[in-house]
Amino acid sequence: MTTTKPQSGLRLTVEEFMELDDTDDRRKMELDDGVLYIMPRPRIVHNYAQGEFFGYLRDYRRRQDGPGIEVYTDVIVALSLDRRRLYAPDVTIILPGNPCVVGERMVEGAPDIVIEVLSSDRNRDLVRKRQVYAEAGIPHYWLCDLRQDTLTLLELRDGGYLESATLTADDTLTTPLLPGFTIPLADIFRHPHRPPHAGE
């Protein structure tokens, strides 16, 4: 196992990156074209929103009969092993029939939906991840903005993402990808127990 102290900017192989998974102090890390990126620690409100999306999806999965969706938080997704692109979306959703390979330590391939809660490094979510997720062929990219209390749904078309909807706390999230799935977004954006979000 490597003894190199993890720091953003290190150039690593896939194997070296995966070794770091158990040696760091649980900060979220990604490998971007072979370069290590360590994300700032998320604010509590970020974890809250991530957990709410996951909870709704987990409950939806439990109601399904037979093969259903797979849903994960912060799992390593190998978008390209050759290009050494290993990302960790806030929420990863894999629909039945997707050829992704779910292994012991990572998912290999393009999931059907990824959700990112915008962090303090907003440019990474809005620009870099939008580019990389499109290049990887992920059909749907959802962006939760806790400053604006919006959820923007992006759909991959002709190699790039187009905005299909921007939802607010007054809206309910539904999608034909997940029949019967609903989230009244007021339950996330206006919940009385939502943590403070100044600076998020």
Protein backbone atom coordinates (compact mmCIF):
# COMPACT_ATOMS: atom_id res chain seq x y z
CA MET A 1 0.00 0.00 0.00
CA THR A 2 1.32 3.44 -0.87
CA THR A 3 2.59 5.66 1.94
CA THR A 4 2.34 8.89 -0.08
CA LYS A 5 0.34 11.52 1.82
CA PRO A 6 -2.75 12.32 -0.24
CA GLN A 7 -2.83 15.85 -1.58
CA SER A 8 -4.57 17.39 -4.55
CA GLY A 9 -2.41 17.46 -7.66
CA LEU A 10 -0.66 14.13 -7.18
CA ARG A 11 -0.48 12.00 -10.31
CA LEU A 12 -1.60 8.48 -9.54
CA THR A 13 -2.41 5.22 -11.24
CA VAL A 14 -5.84 3.69 -10.70
CA GLU A 15 -4.27 1.14 -8.36
CA GLU A 16 -2.56 3.84 -6.29
CA PHE A 17 -5.76 5.83 -6.09
CA MET A 18 -7.76 2.85 -4.86
CA GLU A 19 -5.15 2.20 -2.17
CA LEU A 20 -5.71 5.72 -0.86
CA ASP A 21 -9.36 4.89 -0.23
CA ASP A 22 -8.59 3.28 3.13
CA THR A 23 -5.72 5.49 4.25
CA ASP A 24 -7.09 9.02 4.07
CA ASP A 25 -9.21 10.74 6.73
CA ARG A 26 -12.47 10.13 4.86
CA ARG A 27 -12.40 13.21 2.71
CA LYS A 28 -13.96 12.51 -0.68
CA MET A 29 -11.38 12.02 -3.42
CA GLU A 30 -11.56 11.68 -7.20
CA LEU A 31 -9.05 10.86 -9.91
CA ASP A 32 -9.35 13.25 -12.85
CA ASP A 33 -7.23 12.26 -15.86
CA GLY A 34 -4.76 10.70 -13.43
CA VAL A 35 -4.62 13.74 -11.12
CA LEU A 36 -5.86 13.42 -7.54
CA TYR A 37 -8.53 15.88 -6.47
CA ILE A 38 -9.49 16.05 -2.78
CA MET A 39 -12.77 17.83 -2.22
CA PRO A 40 -13.30 20.37 0.55
CA ARG A 41 -15.16 18.90 3.50
CA PRO A 42 -18.88 19.21 2.77
CA ARG A 43 -21.02 21.46 4.91
CA ILE A 44 -23.70 19.84 7.02
CA VAL A 45 -26.47 21.12 4.75
CA HIS A 46 -24.75 19.37 1.82
CA ASN A 47 -24.82 16.06 3.69
CA TYR A 48 -28.44 16.70 4.63
CA ALA A 49 -29.57 17.19 1.01
CA GLN A 50 -27.51 14.24 -0.20
CA GLY A 51 -29.07 12.05 2.48
CA GLU A 52 -32.58 13.19 1.64
CA PHE A 53 -32.22 12.29 -2.04
CA PHE A 54 -30.70 8.94 -1.11
CA GLY A 55 -33.44 8.26 1.43
CA TYR A 56 -36.25 8.86 -1.05
CA LEU A 57 -34.51 6.67 -3.62
CA ARG A 58 -33.79 3.91 -1.11
CA ASP A 59 -37.44 3.85 -0.03
CA TYR A 60 -38.50 3.74 -3.68
CA ARG A 61 -36.19 0.77 -4.25
CA ARG A 62 -37.67 -1.07 -1.29
CA ARG A 63 -41.14 -0.76 -2.79
CA GLN A 64 -40.09 -2.33 -6.09
CA ASP A 65 -40.76 -5.95 -6.96
CA GLY A 66 -38.09 -7.93 -8.80
CA PRO A 67 -35.06 -6.25 -10.32
CA GLY A 68 -34.97 -2.64 -9.27
CA ILE A 69 -32.72 0.35 -9.24
CA GLU A 70 -29.37 0.39 -7.49
CA VAL A 71 -28.57 3.58 -5.59
CA TYR A 72 -25.34 4.58 -3.86
CA THR A 73 -23.77 7.62 -2.21
CA ASP A 74 -20.13 8.58 -2.75
CA VAL A 75 -19.33 5.31 -4.50
CA ILE A 76 -16.32 5.37 -6.83
CA VAL A 77 -17.49 5.30 -10.45
CA ALA A 78 -14.82 4.38 -13.00
CA LEU A 79 -15.94 6.44 -15.97
CA SER A 80 -12.76 5.58 -17.87
CA LEU A 81 -9.99 3.36 -16.53
CA ASP A 82 -7.81 4.13 -19.55
CA ARG A 83 -8.09 7.89 -18.94
CA ARG A 84 -7.93 7.38 -15.18
CA ARG A 85 -11.23 9.10 -14.50
CA LEU A 86 -12.66 7.84 -11.21
CA TYR A 87 -15.37 10.07 -9.82
CA ALA A 88 -17.57 9.87 -6.72
CA PRO A 89 -20.99 11.44 -7.39
CA ASP A 90 -23.06 12.42 -4.37
CA VAL A 91 -25.76 9.98 -5.53
CA THR A 92 -25.42 7.33 -8.25
CA ILE A 93 -28.47 5.61 -9.74
CA ILE A 94 -28.30 2.51 -11.93
CA LEU A 95 -31.45 1.30 -13.64
CA PRO A 96 -32.25 -2.35 -14.42
CA GLY A 97 -30.56 -3.50 -17.61
CA ASN A 98 -27.65 -1.06 -17.37
CA PRO A 99 -24.41 -2.89 -18.27
CA CYS A 100 -22.45 -1.21 -15.46
CA VAL A 101 -20.33 -3.63 -13.47
CA VAL A 102 -20.78 -3.18 -9.73
CA GLY A 103 -17.69 -4.56 -8.06
CA GLU A 104 -16.50 -4.71 -4.48
CA ARG A 105 -14.89 -1.26 -4.50
CA MET A 106 -16.17 0.57 -7.56
CA VAL A 107 -18.75 0.79 -10.31
CA GLU A 108 -17.32 0.47 -13.81
CA GLY A 109 -19.26 2.17 -16.59
CA ALA A 110 -21.81 4.93 -16.97
CA PRO A 111 -24.72 4.97 -14.51
CA ASP A 112 -28.11 6.23 -15.67
CA ILE A 113 -28.42 9.19 -13.31
CA VAL A 114 -25.95 11.07 -11.14
CA ILE A 115 -26.90 13.74 -8.62
CA GLU A 116 -24.48 16.36 -7.39
CA VAL A 117 -25.26 18.79 -4.59
CA LEU A 118 -23.33 21.92 -5.49
CA SER A 119 -20.43 22.38 -3.10
CA SER A 120 -18.10 25.26 -2.34
CA ASP A 121 -16.23 24.32 -5.54
CA ARG A 122 -19.25 25.06 -7.70
CA ASN A 123 -17.22 25.40 -10.90
CA ARG A 124 -16.19 21.74 -10.67
CA ASP A 125 -19.82 20.58 -10.55
CA LEU A 126 -21.12 23.05 -13.10
CA VAL A 127 -18.31 22.88 -15.65
CA ARG A 128 -15.81 20.05 -15.23
CA LYS A 129 -18.21 17.35 -14.09
CA ARG A 130 -20.76 18.40 -16.68
CA GLN A 131 -18.08 17.86 -19.35
CA VAL A 132 -16.76 14.56 -17.96
CA TYR A 133 -20.17 13.06 -17.28
CA ALA A 134 -21.27 13.92 -20.82
CA GLU A 135 -18.12 12.40 -22.31
CA ALA A 136 -18.75 9.26 -20.26
CA GLY A 137 -22.26 8.98 -21.69
CA ILE A 138 -24.23 9.39 -18.46
CA PRO A 139 -27.76 10.10 -19.74
CA HIS A 140 -29.00 12.24 -16.83
CA TYR A 141 -27.21 14.70 -14.57
CA TRP A 142 -29.17 16.39 -11.78
CA LEU A 143 -27.75 19.45 -10.01
CA CYS A 144 -29.06 20.51 -6.61
CA ASP A 145 -28.30 24.15 -5.82
CA LEU A 146 -28.85 24.93 -2.13
CA ARG A 147 -28.14 28.63 -2.63
CA GLN A 148 -31.03 28.99 -5.06
CA ASP A 149 -33.11 26.05 -3.79
CA THR A 150 -33.34 24.57 -7.27
CA LEU A 151 -32.88 21.18 -8.86
CA THR A 152 -31.76 21.36 -12.49
CA LEU A 153 -32.31 18.29 -14.64
CA LEU A 154 -29.84 17.86 -17.50
CA GLU A 155 -30.34 15.34 -20.27
CA LEU A 156 -27.62 14.09 -22.60
CA ARG A 157 -28.34 14.86 -26.25
CA ASP A 158 -25.87 14.77 -29.14
CA GLY A 159 -22.91 14.48 -26.79
CA GLY A 160 -23.81 17.39 -24.51
CA TYR A 161 -26.25 18.19 -21.73
CA LEU A 162 -29.38 20.21 -22.31
CA GLU A 163 -31.53 21.49 -19.49
CA SER A 164 -34.86 19.69 -19.45
CA ALA A 165 -36.23 21.38 -16.31
CA THR A 166 -35.34 23.55 -13.36
CA LEU A 167 -37.46 22.72 -10.34
CA THR A 168 -38.01 24.78 -7.18
CA ALA A 169 -39.41 24.10 -3.73
CA ASP A 170 -42.90 24.55 -5.20
CA ASP A 171 -42.39 21.60 -7.55
CA THR A 172 -42.50 17.82 -7.23
CA LEU A 173 -39.75 15.78 -8.82
CA THR A 174 -41.03 12.98 -11.05
CA THR A 175 -39.38 11.19 -13.94
CA PRO A 176 -40.48 8.49 -16.40
CA LEU A 177 -37.17 6.78 -15.61
CA LEU A 178 -38.53 5.91 -12.16
CA PRO A 179 -42.27 5.15 -12.49
CA GLY A 180 -44.13 6.10 -9.33
CA PHE A 181 -41.18 7.98 -7.81
CA THR A 182 -41.91 11.44 -6.40
CA ILE A 183 -40.13 13.97 -4.19
CA PRO A 184 -42.03 17.08 -3.10
CA LEU A 185 -39.00 19.37 -3.17
CA ALA A 186 -40.41 21.49 -0.36
CA ASP A 187 -39.60 18.47 1.84
CA ILE A 188 -35.92 19.14 1.10
CA PHE A 189 -35.66 22.86 0.52
CA ARG A 190 -38.18 24.01 3.16
CA HIS A 191 -37.92 21.27 5.76
CA PRO A 192 -38.00 22.75 9.29
CA HIS A 193 -34.96 20.68 10.28
CA ARG A 194 -32.86 21.72 7.31
CA PRO A 195 -29.46 22.88 8.59
CA PRO A 196 -28.30 26.47 7.96
CA HIS A 197 -26.68 26.95 4.59
CA ALA A 198 -24.87 30.27 4.70
CA GLY A 199 -21.88 30.05 2.38
CA GLU A 200 -23.01 26.85 0.66
